[in-house]
Structure formats: C-alpha cells, structure tokens
PDB file of N, CA and C in Angstrom:
ATOM      1  N   UNK A   1       2.485 -11.744 -12.806  1.00  0.00           N
ATOM      2  CA  UNK A   1       1.537 -10.648 -12.758  1.00  0.00           C
ATOM      3  C   UNK A   1       2.099  -9.453 -13.534  1.00  0.00           C
ATOM      4  N   UNK A   2       1.247  -8.806 -14.240  1.00  0.00           N
ATOM      5  CA  UNK A   2       1.642  -7.639 -15.010  1.00  0.00           C
ATOM      6  C   UNK A   2       1.571  -6.406 -14.105  1.00  0.00           C
ATOM      7  N   UNK A   3       2.567  -5.536 -14.206  1.00  0.00           N
ATOM      8  CA  UNK A   3       2.530  -4.272 -13.496  1.00  0.00           C
ATOM      9  C   UNK A   3       3.062  -4.304 -12.075  1.00  0.00           C
ATOM     10  N   UNK A   4       3.724  -5.379 -11.679  1.00  0.00           N
ATOM     11  CA  UNK A   4       4.304  -5.447 -10.346  1.00  0.00           C
ATOM     12  C   UNK A   4       5.712  -6.025 -10.464  1.00  0.00           C
ATOM     13  N   UNK A   5       6.629  -5.432  -9.736  1.00  0.00           N
ATOM     14  CA  UNK A   5       8.006  -5.930  -9.785  1.00  0.00           C
ATOM     15  C   UNK A   5       8.124  -7.180  -8.929  1.00  0.00           C
ATOM     16  N   UNK A   6       9.079  -8.049  -9.236  1.00  0.00           N
ATOM     17  CA  UNK A   6       9.270  -9.250  -8.412  1.00  0.00           C
ATOM     18  C   UNK A   6       9.523  -8.908  -6.938  1.00  0.00           C
ATOM     19  N   UNK A   7      10.232  -7.813  -6.685  1.00  0.00           N
ATOM     20  CA  UNK A   7      10.508  -7.401  -5.310  1.00  0.00           C
ATOM     21  C   UNK A   7       9.221  -7.035  -4.580  1.00  0.00           C
ATOM     22  N   UNK A   8       8.353  -6.271  -5.233  1.00  0.00           N
ATOM     23  CA  UNK A   8       7.096  -5.863  -4.605  1.00  0.00           C
ATOM     24  C   UNK A   8       6.165  -7.060  -4.414  1.00  0.00           C
ATOM     25  N   UNK A   9       6.129  -7.975  -5.380  1.00  0.00           N
ATOM     26  CA  UNK A   9       5.307  -9.177  -5.250  1.00  0.00           C
ATOM     27  C   UNK A   9       5.762 -10.001  -4.050  1.00  0.00           C
ATOM     28  N   UNK A  10       7.069 -10.178  -3.908  1.00  0.00           N
ATOM     29  CA  UNK A  10       7.617 -10.918  -2.773  1.00  0.00           C
ATOM     30  C   UNK A  10       7.253 -10.241  -1.461  1.00  0.00           C
ATOM     31  N   UNK A  11       7.369  -8.926  -1.408  1.00  0.00           N
ATOM     32  CA  UNK A  11       7.036  -8.171  -0.196  1.00  0.00           C
ATOM     33  C   UNK A  11       5.566  -8.375   0.168  1.00  0.00           C
ATOM     34  N   UNK A  12       4.682  -8.262  -0.813  1.00  0.00           N
ATOM     35  CA  UNK A  12       3.249  -8.434  -0.562  1.00  0.00           C
ATOM     36  C   UNK A  12       2.924  -9.853  -0.094  1.00  0.00           C
ATOM     37  N   UNK A  13       3.523 -10.839  -0.738  1.00  0.00           N
ATOM     38  CA  UNK A  13       3.271 -12.225  -0.339  1.00  0.00           C
ATOM     39  C   UNK A  13       3.783 -12.499   1.068  1.00  0.00           C
ATOM     40  N   UNK A  14       4.910 -11.942   1.424  1.00  0.00           N
ATOM     41  CA  UNK A  14       5.442 -12.134   2.790  1.00  0.00           C
ATOM     42  C   UNK A  14       4.549 -11.474   3.825  1.00  0.00           C
ATOM     43  N   UNK A  15       3.964 -10.321   3.485  1.00  0.00           N
ATOM     44  CA  UNK A  15       3.030  -9.663   4.398  1.00  0.00           C
ATOM     45  C   UNK A  15       1.768 -10.503   4.571  1.00  0.00           C
ATOM     46  N   UNK A  16       1.265 -11.060   3.471  1.00  0.00           N
ATOM     47  CA  UNK A  16       0.091 -11.930   3.561  1.00  0.00           C
ATOM     48  C   UNK A  16       0.390 -13.170   4.392  1.00  0.00           C
ATOM     49  N   UNK A  17       1.605 -13.686   4.268  1.00  0.00           N
ATOM     50  CA  UNK A  17       2.016 -14.835   5.073  1.00  0.00           C
ATOM     51  C   UNK A  17       2.079 -14.448   6.554  1.00  0.00           C
ATOM     52  N   UNK A  18       2.642 -13.297   6.863  1.00  0.00           N
ATOM     53  CA  UNK A  18       2.738 -12.835   8.246  1.00  0.00           C
ATOM     54  C   UNK A  18       1.355 -12.612   8.856  1.00  0.00           C
ATOM     55  N   UNK A  19       0.392 -12.229   8.018  1.00  0.00           N
ATOM     56  CA  UNK A  19      -0.975 -12.003   8.484  1.00  0.00           C
ATOM     57  C   UNK A  19      -1.784 -13.293   8.586  1.00  0.00           C
ATOM     58  N   UNK A  20      -1.188 -14.402   8.198  1.00  0.00           N
ATOM     59  CA  UNK A  20      -1.874 -15.689   8.295  1.00  0.00           C
ATOM     60  C   UNK A  20      -2.886 -15.945   7.192  1.00  0.00           C
ATOM     61  N   UNK A  21      -2.733 -15.252   6.057  1.00  0.00           N
ATOM     62  CA  UNK A  21      -3.668 -15.429   4.952  1.00  0.00           C
ATOM     63  C   UNK A  21      -3.168 -16.437   3.920  1.00  0.00           C
ATOM     64  N   UNK A  22      -1.866 -16.576   3.779  1.00  0.00           N
ATOM     65  CA  UNK A  22      -1.290 -17.543   2.844  1.00  0.00           C
ATOM     66  C   UNK A  22      -0.187 -18.342   3.527  1.00  0.00           C
ATOM     67  N   UNK A  23       0.068 -19.518   2.981  1.00  0.00           N
ATOM     68  CA  UNK A  23       1.190 -20.353   3.425  1.00  0.00           C
ATOM     69  C   UNK A  23       2.201 -20.434   2.306  1.00  0.00           C
ATOM     70  N   UNK A  24       3.455 -20.518   2.682  1.00  0.00           N
ATOM     71  CA  UNK A  24       4.545 -20.575   1.712  1.00  0.00           C
ATOM     72  C   UNK A  24       5.266 -21.899   1.866  1.00  0.00           C
ATOM     73  N   UNK A  25       5.499 -22.567   0.739  1.00  0.00           N
ATOM     74  CA  UNK A  25       6.268 -23.805   0.754  1.00  0.00           C
ATOM     75  C   UNK A  25       7.384 -23.669  -0.270  1.00  0.00           C
ATOM     76  N   UNK A  26       8.616 -23.913   0.183  1.00  0.00           N
ATOM     77  CA  UNK A  26       9.769 -23.821  -0.706  1.00  0.00           C
ATOM     78  C   UNK A  26      10.284 -25.224  -0.989  1.00  0.00           C
ATOM     79  N   UNK A  27      10.565 -25.489  -2.258  1.00  0.00           N
ATOM     80  CA  UNK A  27      11.070 -26.787  -2.681  1.00  0.00           C
ATOM     81  C   UNK A  27      12.568 -26.695  -2.950  1.00  0.00           C
ATOM     82  N   UNK A  28      13.308 -27.748  -2.626  1.00  0.00           N
ATOM     83  CA  UNK A  28      14.772 -27.726  -2.807  1.00  0.00           C
ATOM     84  C   UNK A  28      15.186 -27.993  -4.257  1.00  0.00           C
ATOM     85  N   UNK A  29      14.855 -27.054  -5.121  1.00  0.00           N
ATOM     86  CA  UNK A  29      15.208 -27.186  -6.533  1.00  0.00           C
ATOM     87  C   UNK A  29      16.133 -26.046  -6.922  1.00  0.00           C
ATOM     88  N   UNK A  30      16.728 -26.179  -8.074  1.00  0.00           N
ATOM     89  CA  UNK A  30      17.572 -25.112  -8.621  1.00  0.00           C
ATOM     90  C   UNK A  30      17.010 -24.751  -9.986  1.00  0.00           C
ATOM     91  N   UNK A  31      16.538 -23.526 -10.177  1.00  0.00           N
ATOM     92  CA  UNK A  31      16.400 -22.465  -9.188  1.00  0.00           C
ATOM     93  C   UNK A  31      15.312 -22.813  -8.168  1.00  0.00           C
ATOM     94  N   UNK A  32      15.309 -22.154  -7.011  1.00  0.00           N
ATOM     95  CA  UNK A  32      14.322 -22.463  -5.976  1.00  0.00           C
ATOM     96  C   UNK A  32      12.894 -22.284  -6.484  1.00  0.00           C
ATOM     97  N   UNK A  33      12.047 -23.208  -6.111  1.00  0.00           N
ATOM     98  CA  UNK A  33      10.630 -23.138  -6.448  1.00  0.00           C
ATOM     99  C   UNK A  33       9.862 -22.849  -5.170  1.00  0.00           C
ATOM    100  N   UNK A  34       8.959 -21.874  -5.229  1.00  0.00           N
ATOM    101  CA  UNK A  34       8.149 -21.500  -4.073  1.00  0.00           C
ATOM    102  C   UNK A  34       6.688 -21.564  -4.484  1.00  0.00           C
ATOM    103  N   UNK A  35       5.868 -22.097  -3.581  1.00  0.00           N
ATOM    104  CA  UNK A  35       4.434 -22.220  -3.839  1.00  0.00           C
ATOM    105  C   UNK A  35       3.676 -21.559  -2.700  1.00  0.00           C
ATOM    106  N   UNK A  36       2.699 -20.736  -3.043  1.00  0.00           N
ATOM    107  CA  UNK A  36       1.857 -20.086  -2.052  1.00  0.00           C
ATOM    108  C   UNK A  36       0.450 -20.632  -2.167  1.00  0.00           C
ATOM    109  N   UNK A  37      -0.195 -20.871  -1.025  1.00  0.00           N
ATOM    110  CA  UNK A  37      -1.583 -21.320  -0.994  1.00  0.00           C
ATOM    111  C   UNK A  37      -2.338 -20.520   0.057  1.00  0.00           C
ATOM    112  N   UNK A  38      -3.645 -20.390  -0.150  1.00  0.00           N
ATOM    113  CA  UNK A  38      -4.470 -19.708   0.835  1.00  0.00           C
ATOM    114  C   UNK A  38      -4.629 -20.570   2.080  1.00  0.00           C
ATOM    115  N   UNK A  39      -4.505 -19.946   3.246  1.00  0.00           N
ATOM    116  CA  UNK A  39      -4.816 -20.616   4.503  1.00  0.00           C
ATOM    117  C   UNK A  39      -6.319 -20.526   4.736  1.00  0.00           C
ATOM    118  N   UNK A  40      -6.795 -21.146   5.799  1.00  0.00           N
ATOM    119  CA  UNK A  40      -8.223 -21.067   6.127  1.00  0.00           C
ATOM    120  C   UNK A  40      -8.675 -19.623   6.289  1.00  0.00           C
ATOM    121  N   UNK A  41      -7.855 -18.832   6.953  1.00  0.00           N
ATOM    122  CA  UNK A  41      -8.195 -17.417   7.155  1.00  0.00           C
ATOM    123  C   UNK A  41      -8.322 -16.684   5.816  1.00  0.00           C
ATOM    124  N   UNK A  42      -7.445 -16.979   4.885  1.00  0.00           N
ATOM    125  CA  UNK A  42      -7.511 -16.366   3.562  1.00  0.00           C
ATOM    126  C   UNK A  42      -8.726 -16.815   2.777  1.00  0.00           C
ATOM    127  N   UNK A  43      -9.072 -18.091   2.902  1.00  0.00           N
ATOM    128  CA  UNK A  43     -10.257 -18.615   2.203  1.00  0.00           C
ATOM    129  C   UNK A  43     -11.543 -17.971   2.704  1.00  0.00           C
ATOM    130  N   UNK A  44     -11.562 -17.587   3.978  1.00  0.00           N
ATOM    131  CA  UNK A  44     -12.758 -16.941   4.530  1.00  0.00           C
ATOM    132  C   UNK A  44     -13.004 -15.567   3.905  1.00  0.00           C
ATOM    133  N   UNK A  45     -11.993 -14.992   3.278  1.00  0.00           N
ATOM    134  CA  UNK A  45     -12.151 -13.689   2.611  1.00  0.00           C
ATOM    135  C   UNK A  45     -12.797 -13.801   1.229  1.00  0.00           C
ATOM    136  N   UNK A  46     -12.829 -14.981   0.666  1.00  0.00           N
ATOM    137  CA  UNK A  46     -13.316 -15.142  -0.717  1.00  0.00           C
ATOM    138  C   UNK A  46     -14.727 -14.596  -0.909  1.00  0.00           C
ATOM    139  N   UNK A  47     -15.718 -14.916  -0.056  1.00  0.00           N
ATOM    140  CA  UNK A  47     -17.063 -14.351  -0.282  1.00  0.00           C
ATOM    141  C   UNK A  47     -17.081 -12.823  -0.276  1.00  0.00           C
ATOM    142  N   UNK A  48     -16.328 -12.197   0.613  1.00  0.00           N
ATOM    143  CA  UNK A  48     -16.287 -10.733   0.655  1.00  0.00           C
ATOM    144  C   UNK A  48     -15.641 -10.169  -0.611  1.00  0.00           C
ATOM    145  N   UNK A  49     -14.579 -10.797  -1.067  1.00  0.00           N
ATOM    146  CA  UNK A  49     -13.911 -10.332  -2.283  1.00  0.00           C
ATOM    147  C   UNK A  49     -14.801 -10.513  -3.508  1.00  0.00           C
ATOM    148  N   UNK A  50     -15.581 -11.598  -3.536  1.00  0.00           N
ATOM    149  CA  UNK A  50     -16.510 -11.797  -4.652  1.00  0.00           C
ATOM    150  C   UNK A  50     -17.572 -10.702  -4.675  1.00  0.00           C
ATOM    151  N   UNK A  51     -18.048 -10.281  -3.507  1.00  0.00           N
ATOM    152  CA  UNK A  51     -19.024  -9.192  -3.443  1.00  0.00           C
ATOM    153  C   UNK A  51     -18.419  -7.885  -3.945  1.00  0.00           C
ATOM    154  N   UNK A  52     -17.196  -7.600  -3.555  1.00  0.00           N
ATOM    155  CA  UNK A  52     -16.522  -6.386  -4.032  1.00  0.00           C
ATOM    156  C   UNK A  52     -16.356  -6.444  -5.550  1.00  0.00           C
ATOM    157  N   UNK A  53     -16.018  -7.618  -6.072  1.00  0.00           N
ATOM    158  CA  UNK A  53     -15.855  -7.791  -7.512  1.00  0.00           C
ATOM    159  C   UNK A  53     -17.178  -7.521  -8.238  1.00  0.00           C
ATOM    160  N   UNK A  54     -18.275  -8.084  -7.707  1.00  0.00           N
ATOM    161  CA  UNK A  54     -19.583  -7.862  -8.332  1.00  0.00           C
ATOM    162  C   UNK A  54     -19.967  -6.385  -8.298  1.00  0.00           C
ATOM    163  N   UNK A  55     -19.695  -5.734  -7.168  1.00  0.00           N
ATOM    164  CA  UNK A  55     -19.988  -4.310  -7.047  1.00  0.00           C
ATOM    165  C   UNK A  55     -19.188  -3.514  -8.089  1.00  0.00           C
ATOM    166  N   UNK A  56     -17.904  -3.836  -8.233  1.00  0.00           N
ATOM    167  CA  UNK A  56     -17.057  -3.130  -9.190  1.00  0.00           C
ATOM    168  C   UNK A  56     -17.558  -3.328 -10.617  1.00  0.00           C
ATOM    169  N   UNK A  57     -18.005  -4.539 -10.922  1.00  0.00           N
ATOM    170  CA  UNK A  57     -18.543  -4.786 -12.271  1.00  0.00           C
ATOM    171  C   UNK A  57     -19.742  -3.918 -12.553  1.00  0.00           C
ATOM    172  N   UNK A  58     -20.665  -3.798 -11.596  1.00  0.00           N
ATOM    173  CA  UNK A  58     -21.845  -2.979 -11.818  1.00  0.00           C
ATOM    174  C   UNK A  58     -21.471  -1.505 -11.950  1.00  0.00           C
ATOM    175  N   UNK A  59     -20.465  -1.061 -11.225  1.00  0.00           N
ATOM    176  CA  UNK A  59     -20.023   0.326 -11.316  1.00  0.00           C
ATOM    177  C   UNK A  59     -19.434   0.619 -12.682  1.00  0.00           C
ATOM    178  N   UNK A  60     -18.690  -0.333 -13.219  1.00  0.00           N
ATOM    179  CA  UNK A  60     -18.078  -0.138 -14.541  1.00  0.00           C
ATOM    180  C   UNK A  60     -19.145  -0.161 -15.634  1.00  0.00           C
ATOM    181  N   UNK A  61     -20.172  -0.977 -15.447  1.00  0.00           N
ATOM    182  CA  UNK A  61     -21.239  -1.038 -16.452  1.00  0.00           C
ATOM    183  C   UNK A  61     -22.057   0.237 -16.482  1.00  0.00           C
ATOM    184  N   UNK A  62     -22.205   0.905 -15.338  1.00  0.00           N
ATOM    185  CA  UNK A  62     -23.029   2.107 -15.266  1.00  0.00           C
ATOM    186  C   UNK A  62     -22.321   3.357 -15.779  1.00  0.00           C
ATOM    187  N   UNK A  63     -21.050   3.260 -16.063  1.00  0.00           N
ATOM    188  CA  UNK A  63     -20.311   4.426 -16.565  1.00  0.00           C
ATOM    189  C   UNK A  63     -20.447   4.588 -18.040  1.00  0.00           C
TER     190      UNK A  63
END
C-alpha cells in the first residue's frame, strides 16, 4: 500500500484481527509469509462499504 508504513499497516491489521474482521495465517517460511483474509463479520461490511464508495464517487463528480 502506498502512503502507509509497514509498522502502521501491521498495527491496523492486528486491530482488525482483534475486532474479528480478518483472520491471520502465518506460514513457516523464511522470510515469514503472512496472509490475511476477511472473516464472516468482515464480509458483512462489504455492502455498506460499497455504498460509501458510490456516495464518494458522486460527491467527487459534483465538484
């Protein structure tokens, strides 16, 4: 991701994991490989986020 430090990205992902929105899986590789996926709770947010995205698009078009 552009504009975010690795430390801040890790912090945000850990908070999302603690909130039950994402799951984290670590693989025993060198260097360590970590994979994040949306949990059911996180997937339930998708329709709301899509609405916010559509709203933002219309706001940008009207400017």
